[in-house]
Amino acid sequence: MKKFTFKILWLENNVALAIDHVVDHGYSPLTSYFFWPRNDAWVQIKTELDSKPWISENDKIDLLNKATAIINYWQENGKEKSILKAQNKFPEFIFCGNN
């Protein structure tokens, strides 16, 4: 059973990542949205996760690796790829956006 999920705003000039805690069959926001490349979203996510001592190191590493994968995919393909293709690439996450 997964403990966390990403909410992703897939935009033309940015990608924004937020992490939700999965609670029963619902979601509880764990972080606000962090925008890439407007800000260094990866560092902001790491700082936010490090401030929550109840999250295990393995979960932190897993979340940071997933954030890296999302950011890299957006950097490589974001402007050419639709949100639909991003959803197919990362079906376990929640997407919204305008392209």
Protein backbone atom coordinates (compact mmCIF):
# COMPACT_ATOMS: atom_id res chain seq x y z
CA MET A 1 0.00 0.00 0.00
CA LYS A 2 1.47 3.34 -1.00
CA LYS A 3 1.98 6.00 1.63
CA PHE A 4 2.56 9.03 -0.58
CA THR A 5 1.67 10.35 -4.01
CA PHE A 6 2.62 13.33 -6.13
CA LYS A 7 0.22 15.94 -7.40
CA ILE A 8 1.69 17.46 -10.54
CA LEU A 9 0.81 20.65 -12.40
CA TRP A 10 2.03 20.02 -15.96
CA LEU A 11 2.46 23.46 -17.49
CA GLU A 12 4.10 24.77 -20.63
CA ASN A 13 6.89 26.70 -18.88
CA ASN A 14 6.98 24.97 -15.48
CA VAL A 15 6.21 21.76 -13.72
CA ALA A 16 5.00 21.94 -10.13
CA LEU A 17 5.22 19.10 -7.65
CA ALA A 18 3.39 18.59 -4.38
CA ILE A 19 3.35 15.51 -2.18
CA ASP A 20 0.23 14.14 -0.52
CA HIS A 21 0.09 11.61 2.28
CA VAL A 22 -2.25 8.75 1.39
CA VAL A 23 -4.67 8.22 4.27
CA ASP A 24 -7.09 5.33 3.96
CA HIS A 25 -8.66 6.04 0.55
CA GLY A 26 -8.04 9.79 0.61
CA TYR A 27 -5.20 12.27 0.50
CA SER A 28 -3.81 14.74 2.99
CA PRO A 29 -1.51 17.48 1.67
CA LEU A 30 2.05 17.00 2.91
CA THR A 31 3.73 19.84 0.99
CA SER A 32 2.77 22.87 -1.01
CA TYR A 33 3.56 23.01 -4.72
CA PHE A 34 7.18 23.56 -5.69
CA PHE A 35 7.87 24.85 -9.21
CA TRP A 36 10.68 23.82 -11.56
CA PRO A 37 12.59 25.59 -13.17
CA ARG A 38 11.24 28.76 -11.54
CA ASN A 39 12.76 27.51 -8.27
CA ASP A 40 14.86 24.50 -7.36
CA ALA A 41 11.89 22.26 -6.61
CA TRP A 42 14.09 19.26 -5.75
CA VAL A 43 15.95 21.16 -3.01
CA GLN A 44 12.69 22.58 -1.68
CA ILE A 45 11.13 19.11 -1.54
CA LYS A 46 14.21 17.72 0.23
CA THR A 47 14.11 20.52 2.80
CA GLU A 48 10.41 19.94 3.39
CA LEU A 49 10.86 16.17 3.78
CA ASP A 50 13.83 16.66 6.12
CA SER A 51 11.61 18.78 8.38
CA LYS A 52 9.30 15.79 8.90
CA PRO A 53 11.20 13.31 11.11
CA TRP A 54 8.35 10.79 10.99
CA ILE A 55 9.04 10.07 7.31
CA SER A 56 11.56 7.24 6.98
CA GLU A 57 14.85 7.76 5.15
CA ASN A 58 13.83 5.12 2.60
CA ASP A 59 10.58 6.98 1.88
CA LYS A 60 12.47 10.29 1.57
CA ILE A 61 14.92 8.74 -0.91
CA ASP A 62 12.09 7.17 -2.88
CA LEU A 63 10.18 10.46 -3.06
CA LEU A 64 13.28 12.41 -4.10
CA ASN A 65 14.05 9.85 -6.80
CA LYS A 66 10.50 10.15 -8.12
CA ALA A 67 10.74 13.95 -8.05
CA THR A 68 13.98 13.67 -10.07
CA ALA A 69 12.28 11.40 -12.61
CA ILE A 70 9.36 13.79 -13.04
CA ILE A 71 11.59 16.87 -13.36
CA ASN A 72 13.90 15.12 -15.84
CA TYR A 73 10.97 13.94 -17.95
CA TRP A 74 9.51 17.45 -18.03
CA GLN A 75 12.91 18.96 -18.93
CA GLU A 76 13.45 16.48 -21.74
CA ASN A 77 9.90 16.26 -23.04
CA GLY A 78 7.64 18.70 -21.24
CA LYS A 79 7.12 21.25 -23.96
CA GLU A 80 6.57 18.60 -26.62
CA LYS A 81 4.63 16.08 -24.55
CA SER A 82 1.03 16.43 -23.57
CA ILE A 83 -0.22 15.94 -20.06
CA LEU A 84 -1.79 12.71 -21.34
CA LYS A 85 1.63 11.29 -22.23
CA ALA A 86 3.00 12.36 -18.85
CA GLN A 87 0.08 10.60 -17.14
CA ASN A 88 0.85 7.45 -19.11
CA LYS A 89 4.51 7.66 -18.08
CA PHE A 90 3.65 8.18 -14.38
CA PRO A 91 0.21 6.59 -13.90
CA GLU A 92 0.54 6.43 -10.12
CA PHE A 93 0.49 10.24 -9.78
CA ILE A 94 -2.26 12.86 -9.98
CA PHE A 95 -1.90 15.30 -12.89
CA CYS A 96 -3.54 18.52 -13.92
CA GLY A 97 -2.42 21.16 -16.35
CA ASN A 98 -3.13 23.04 -19.52
CA ASN A 99 -1.31 21.35 -22.39
